[in-house]
Structure formats: C-alpha cells, structure tokens
Amino acid sequence: MGKIIEVKIEKCMACRSCEFACAVAHSKKKDPEALVLDGEKPGHRINVEAYGRNAIPINCNHCDEAACLMACPTGAIYRENDKGPVLFNSERCIGCKMCVQACPFGVITVSPNGKGVLKCDLCIERLAKGQDPACVVACPTGALRYIEQEKSNKEKRQRVAKKLTLAMEAQATEPKE
C-alpha cells in the first residue's frame, strides 16, 4: 500500500482552494496570476461536491484494480508500478472516453478544451520533488492529508475502538464472551 489523499469530510468548508491549486499545478506556467490573466483552462482534477450540509472533496482513488485503466484501449491510462498512482498520458489518448464511462466514482472528466480527459495524478511532478499534492498543501482546514494508507487505516480503527469503548462504558455493558 502506498500513500493516499485522505479526506476528512467534517473539516471541509467548501472553499474550493483544492480545486484552484490543482488547476494551477497542472497549468503550463504553474502561476495563479498567469492562469487567470492568460485565460488558460487546465481544469482541476479534484471536485468539491455538496451533499446535504456537507462538502466533500472527491478525486481519483487510484484503485488497485482500476476500471479506467482496463477500459483504455491505447494505454493512455497506465500505472508505472503496482503501488504507484494511476496516470494519464494525453499523447496516447484518442478521446474515446471509455475511461470516463468505466470509472465507478465519476472522477475522470472530459478536459475543458475537449481534448482528452482530466484525472488526478497525485501531482506526480510535485511528488518527484518531494512535495505533497497541491490540493493537500492548499487546504486551509486540513480536510485533505497525504498519508500512508496503513497509517490512515490504523487511525480509523483507533477512532472506532474509542467510540465503541465509550459506548460500552456509557451503557455499562460488556461484550459477549
């Protein structure tokens, strides 16, 4: 297991800083001013979706058995190694959009310029420089964290154990033996 972008829904305030940072990170000049002034439309690969009172940042899960990768007829969607992110090569893309249809999470979108698709690459260029993904760095509330998946899982198990312990103590019950 590698690193993942962990989402803490309760911390997201729907500011969309992650979306803008993603667009800047994938722009030609990597400069927010130039992005706005030059009119470049690189698009973002993370989307903040509203559901009820919650705002939920949604991006690629980089699935172990990635349906998008299997659906791509040209190898434009690929993985460099077993633990690496699922990547996209625009030069190999023929625009068939099979990956868009195959993704069960709806996180692959058609590029604003209509050529190819937009798909989270975990900011592979930033990772190569030892930097975290742009969306994670830009998040002002810590709703996004770039973390080892096993560490994230362990923290979740600890939270569940704490809640169960508190619930059992509150009811003064013991687990079945």
Protein backbone atom coordinates (compact mmCIF):
# COMPACT_ATOMS: atom_id res chain seq x y z
CA MET A 1 0.00 0.00 0.00
CA GLY A 2 1.22 3.47 -0.82
CA LYS A 3 0.14 6.93 0.13
CA ILE A 4 -3.37 8.25 -0.40
CA ILE A 5 -5.16 11.56 -0.18
CA GLU A 6 -7.31 11.10 2.90
CA VAL A 7 -10.46 13.23 3.11
CA LYS A 8 -11.90 14.42 6.42
CA ILE A 9 -15.41 15.47 5.37
CA GLU A 10 -16.16 17.19 8.66
CA LYS A 11 -13.27 19.62 8.08
CA CYS A 12 -14.15 20.71 4.52
CA MET A 13 -15.70 24.18 4.29
CA ALA A 14 -16.22 24.14 0.50
CA CYS A 15 -13.71 26.94 -0.16
CA ARG A 16 -12.53 25.13 -3.32
CA SER A 17 -8.89 26.08 -2.66
CA CYS A 18 -8.02 22.49 -3.57
CA GLU A 19 -9.65 22.86 -6.99
CA PHE A 20 -7.79 26.10 -7.77
CA ALA A 21 -4.45 24.73 -6.53
CA CYS A 22 -4.95 21.66 -8.70
CA ALA A 23 -5.67 23.78 -11.78
CA VAL A 24 -2.56 25.89 -11.12
CA ALA A 25 -0.38 22.81 -10.56
CA HIS A 26 -1.50 21.42 -13.93
CA SER A 27 -1.17 24.69 -15.85
CA LYS A 28 1.73 25.48 -18.19
CA LYS A 29 3.26 28.28 -16.11
CA LYS A 30 2.27 26.95 -12.66
CA ASP A 31 1.42 30.53 -11.71
CA PRO A 32 -2.02 31.58 -10.38
CA GLU A 33 -1.80 35.08 -11.87
CA ALA A 34 -0.79 33.80 -15.29
CA LEU A 35 -3.57 31.22 -15.15
CA VAL A 36 -6.17 33.96 -14.72
CA LEU A 37 -4.59 36.59 -16.99
CA ASP A 38 -3.64 34.27 -19.86
CA GLY A 39 -7.04 32.60 -19.89
CA GLU A 40 -5.54 29.11 -19.80
CA LYS A 41 -8.08 26.49 -18.75
CA PRO A 42 -6.14 23.49 -17.44
CA GLY A 43 -9.05 22.30 -15.30
CA HIS A 44 -8.92 20.68 -11.89
CA ARG A 45 -8.78 17.01 -11.09
CA ILE A 46 -10.45 17.24 -7.68
CA ASN A 47 -14.07 18.30 -7.30
CA VAL A 48 -15.79 19.61 -4.20
CA GLU A 49 -19.31 18.21 -4.25
CA ALA A 50 -22.14 19.29 -1.96
CA TYR A 51 -24.33 16.70 -0.32
CA GLY A 52 -26.78 17.96 2.25
CA ARG A 53 -24.84 20.10 4.69
CA ASN A 54 -21.53 18.52 3.78
CA ALA A 55 -18.96 19.49 1.20
CA ILE A 56 -16.99 16.52 0.00
CA PRO A 57 -13.72 16.76 -1.95
CA ILE A 58 -13.73 13.89 -4.43
CA ASN A 59 -10.77 12.78 -6.51
CA CYS A 60 -9.31 9.62 -8.03
CA ASN A 61 -8.93 6.68 -5.64
CA HIS A 62 -6.08 5.18 -7.71
CA CYS A 63 -7.83 1.83 -7.41
CA ASP A 64 -5.79 -1.36 -7.19
CA GLU A 65 -7.95 -2.88 -9.94
CA ALA A 66 -8.59 0.37 -11.83
CA ALA A 67 -11.55 0.03 -14.22
CA CYS A 68 -10.39 3.10 -16.15
CA LEU A 69 -7.00 1.51 -16.80
CA MET A 70 -8.58 -1.73 -18.00
CA ALA A 71 -11.03 0.15 -20.25
CA CYS A 72 -8.43 2.31 -22.02
CA PRO A 73 -7.70 0.78 -25.44
CA THR A 74 -4.46 2.71 -26.05
CA GLY A 75 -2.69 2.55 -22.69
CA ALA A 76 -3.18 6.29 -22.15
CA ILE A 77 -4.33 5.40 -18.63
CA TYR A 78 -1.49 3.48 -17.02
CA ARG A 79 0.41 2.76 -13.81
CA GLU A 80 4.20 2.86 -13.61
CA ASN A 81 4.34 0.31 -10.79
CA ASP A 82 1.99 -1.71 -8.58
CA LYS A 83 1.93 0.84 -5.76
CA GLY A 84 2.04 3.98 -7.88
CA PRO A 85 -0.80 6.26 -8.90
CA VAL A 86 -2.96 5.65 -11.96
CA LEU A 87 -1.66 8.15 -14.53
CA PHE A 88 -2.80 9.65 -17.84
CA ASN A 89 -0.73 10.23 -20.99
CA SER A 90 -2.52 12.77 -23.21
CA GLU A 91 -0.36 11.89 -26.24
CA ARG A 92 -1.72 8.34 -26.29
CA CYS A 93 -5.36 9.35 -25.74
CA ILE A 94 -7.69 9.01 -28.74
CA GLY A 95 -10.61 10.71 -26.99
CA CYS A 96 -12.88 7.66 -26.81
CA LYS A 97 -13.85 8.45 -23.19
CA MET A 98 -14.02 4.78 -22.23
CA CYS A 99 -12.17 5.64 -19.01
CA VAL A 100 -14.83 8.24 -18.14
CA GLN A 101 -17.55 5.63 -18.58
CA ALA A 102 -15.63 2.93 -16.71
CA CYS A 103 -14.80 4.92 -13.57
CA PRO A 104 -17.35 3.93 -10.91
CA PHE A 105 -16.67 7.13 -8.94
CA GLY A 106 -17.17 9.64 -11.76
CA VAL A 107 -13.85 11.34 -11.07
CA ILE A 108 -12.49 11.28 -14.62
CA THR A 109 -13.87 14.19 -16.60
CA VAL A 110 -13.54 15.49 -20.14
CA SER A 111 -10.95 18.27 -20.45
CA PRO A 112 -12.37 21.83 -20.81
CA ASN A 113 -10.69 22.07 -24.22
CA GLY A 114 -12.42 18.85 -25.30
CA LYS A 115 -9.13 17.04 -25.93
CA GLY A 116 -8.58 14.13 -23.62
CA VAL A 117 -9.60 13.82 -20.00
CA LEU A 118 -8.75 15.20 -16.60
CA LYS A 119 -7.68 12.67 -13.98
CA CYS A 120 -5.86 13.08 -10.69
CA ASP A 121 -2.21 12.08 -10.93
CA LEU A 122 -1.43 12.92 -7.27
CA CYS A 123 0.66 15.79 -8.71
CA ILE A 124 3.31 13.33 -9.86
CA GLU A 125 5.70 16.20 -10.75
CA ARG A 126 5.43 17.56 -7.20
CA LEU A 127 5.90 14.09 -5.68
CA ALA A 128 9.13 13.70 -7.68
CA LYS A 129 10.38 16.87 -5.95
CA GLY A 130 9.40 15.57 -2.51
CA GLN A 131 6.33 17.82 -2.30
CA ASP A 132 2.79 16.83 -1.36
CA PRO A 133 -0.06 17.14 -3.90
CA ALA A 134 -1.14 20.75 -4.50
CA CYS A 135 -4.69 20.19 -3.23
CA VAL A 136 -3.38 18.93 0.12
CA VAL A 137 -1.00 21.87 0.56
CA ALA A 138 -3.72 24.39 -0.35
CA CYS A 139 -6.37 23.05 2.03
CA PRO A 140 -6.67 25.62 4.86
CA THR A 141 -8.55 23.32 7.24
CA GLY A 142 -6.61 20.07 6.91
CA ALA A 143 -9.56 18.30 5.30
CA LEU A 144 -7.06 16.72 2.90
CA ARG A 145 -3.98 14.80 4.05
CA TYR A 146 -1.40 12.90 2.02
CA ILE A 147 -0.77 9.91 4.24
CA GLU A 148 0.32 6.28 4.14
CA GLN A 149 -2.83 4.23 3.66
CA GLU A 150 -1.94 1.88 6.52
CA LYS A 151 -1.47 4.84 8.90
CA SER A 152 -4.85 6.22 7.85
CA ASN A 153 -6.47 2.81 8.41
CA LYS A 154 -4.85 2.48 11.85
CA GLU A 155 -6.13 5.93 12.89
CA LYS A 156 -9.64 4.96 11.74
CA ARG A 157 -9.52 1.71 13.73
CA GLN A 158 -8.38 3.63 16.81
CA ARG A 159 -11.28 6.11 16.46
CA VAL A 160 -13.77 3.24 16.14
CA ALA A 161 -12.26 1.47 19.16
CA LYS A 162 -12.53 4.67 21.20
CA LYS A 163 -16.18 5.20 20.21
CA LEU A 164 -17.08 1.58 20.99
CA THR A 165 -15.34 1.76 24.36
CA LEU A 166 -17.15 4.97 25.28
CA ALA A 167 -20.48 3.50 24.16
CA MET A 168 -19.96 0.33 26.21
CA GLU A 169 -18.91 2.36 29.27
CA ALA A 170 -21.96 4.60 28.91
CA GLN A 171 -24.25 1.56 28.83
CA ALA A 172 -22.20 -0.37 31.40
CA THR A 173 -22.29 -3.42 29.17
CA GLU A 174 -19.64 -5.96 28.38
CA PRO A 175 -19.02 -7.70 25.07
CA LYS A 176 -20.28 -11.28 24.72
CA GLU A 177 -17.77 -13.89 25.77
